[in-house]
C-alpha atoms as a PDB file:
ATOM      1  CA  MET A   1     140.233 181.018 162.524  1.00  0.00           C
ATOM      2  CA  GLU A   2     139.013 178.982 159.564  1.00  0.00           C
ATOM      3  CA  LYS A   3     141.416 178.664 156.631  1.00  0.00           C
ATOM      4  CA  LYS A   4     140.034 180.382 153.540  1.00  0.00           C
ATOM      5  CA  ILE A   5     141.826 180.351 150.180  1.00  0.00           C
ATOM      6  CA  LEU A   6     142.072 183.922 148.882  1.00  0.00           C
ATOM      7  CA  ALA A   7     144.087 183.393 145.702  1.00  0.00           C
ATOM      8  CA  LYS A   8     145.935 180.795 143.689  1.00  0.00           C
ATOM      9  CA  VAL A   9     149.164 181.627 141.874  1.00  0.00           C
ATOM     10  CA  GLY A  10     150.360 178.750 139.768  1.00  0.00           C
ATOM     11  CA  GLU A  11     150.288 175.778 142.134  1.00  0.00           C
ATOM     12  CA  LYS A  12     150.531 177.942 145.285  1.00  0.00           C
ATOM     13  CA  GLU A  13     147.363 178.710 147.237  1.00  0.00           C
ATOM     14  CA  ILE A  14     147.377 181.853 149.398  1.00  0.00           C
ATOM     15  CA  SER A  15     145.105 181.691 152.426  1.00  0.00           C
ATOM     16  CA  ASN A  16     143.876 184.200 154.971  1.00  0.00           C
ATOM     17  CA  LEU A  17     146.263 182.521 157.428  1.00  0.00           C
ATOM     18  CA  ASP A  18     149.211 183.278 155.118  1.00  0.00           C
ATOM     19  CA  VAL A  19     148.140 186.931 154.990  1.00  0.00           C
ATOM     20  CA  GLN A  20     147.806 187.104 158.791  1.00  0.00           C
ATOM     21  CA  SER A  21     151.278 185.611 159.180  1.00  0.00           C
ATOM     22  CA  ALA A  22     152.760 188.201 156.816  1.00  0.00           C
ATOM     23  CA  ILE A  23     150.991 191.050 158.655  1.00  0.00           C
ATOM     24  CA  GLN A  24     152.436 189.879 161.971  1.00  0.00           C
ATOM     25  CA  GLY A  25     155.916 190.367 160.517  1.00  0.00           C
ATOM     26  CA  LEU A  26     155.288 194.071 159.888  1.00  0.00           C
ATOM     27  CA  ASP A  27     155.873 196.901 162.311  1.00  0.00           C
ATOM     28  CA  PRO A  28     152.691 198.031 164.139  1.00  0.00           C
ATOM     29  CA  TYR A  29     152.186 201.155 161.999  1.00  0.00           C
ATOM     30  CA  GLN A  30     152.281 199.187 158.747  1.00  0.00           C
ATOM     31  CA  ALA A  31     150.250 196.308 160.175  1.00  0.00           C
ATOM     32  CA  GLN A  32     147.319 198.531 161.171  1.00  0.00           C
ATOM     33  CA  GLN A  33     146.821 199.438 157.498  1.00  0.00           C
ATOM     34  CA  PHE A  34     145.969 195.792 156.759  1.00  0.00           C
ATOM     35  CA  GLN A  35     143.795 194.985 159.784  1.00  0.00           C
ATOM     36  CA  THR A  36     140.516 195.986 158.105  1.00  0.00           C
ATOM     37  CA  GLU A  37     138.780 194.108 155.300  1.00  0.00           C
ATOM     38  CA  GLU A  38     139.329 197.122 153.031  1.00  0.00           C
ATOM     39  CA  GLY A  39     143.058 197.045 153.762  1.00  0.00           C
ATOM     40  CA  GLN A  40     143.284 193.390 152.730  1.00  0.00           C
ATOM     41  CA  LYS A  41     141.719 193.881 149.286  1.00  0.00           C
END
């Protein structure tokens, strides 16, 4: 997966890979809410 910067907060850049990593830490029920593009907005 290509790294894509989604947001910048101060000096910290948040990428799609950071979001995917956070989603993997959720339980399956919560994670499915964020699997679609709409859920990641």
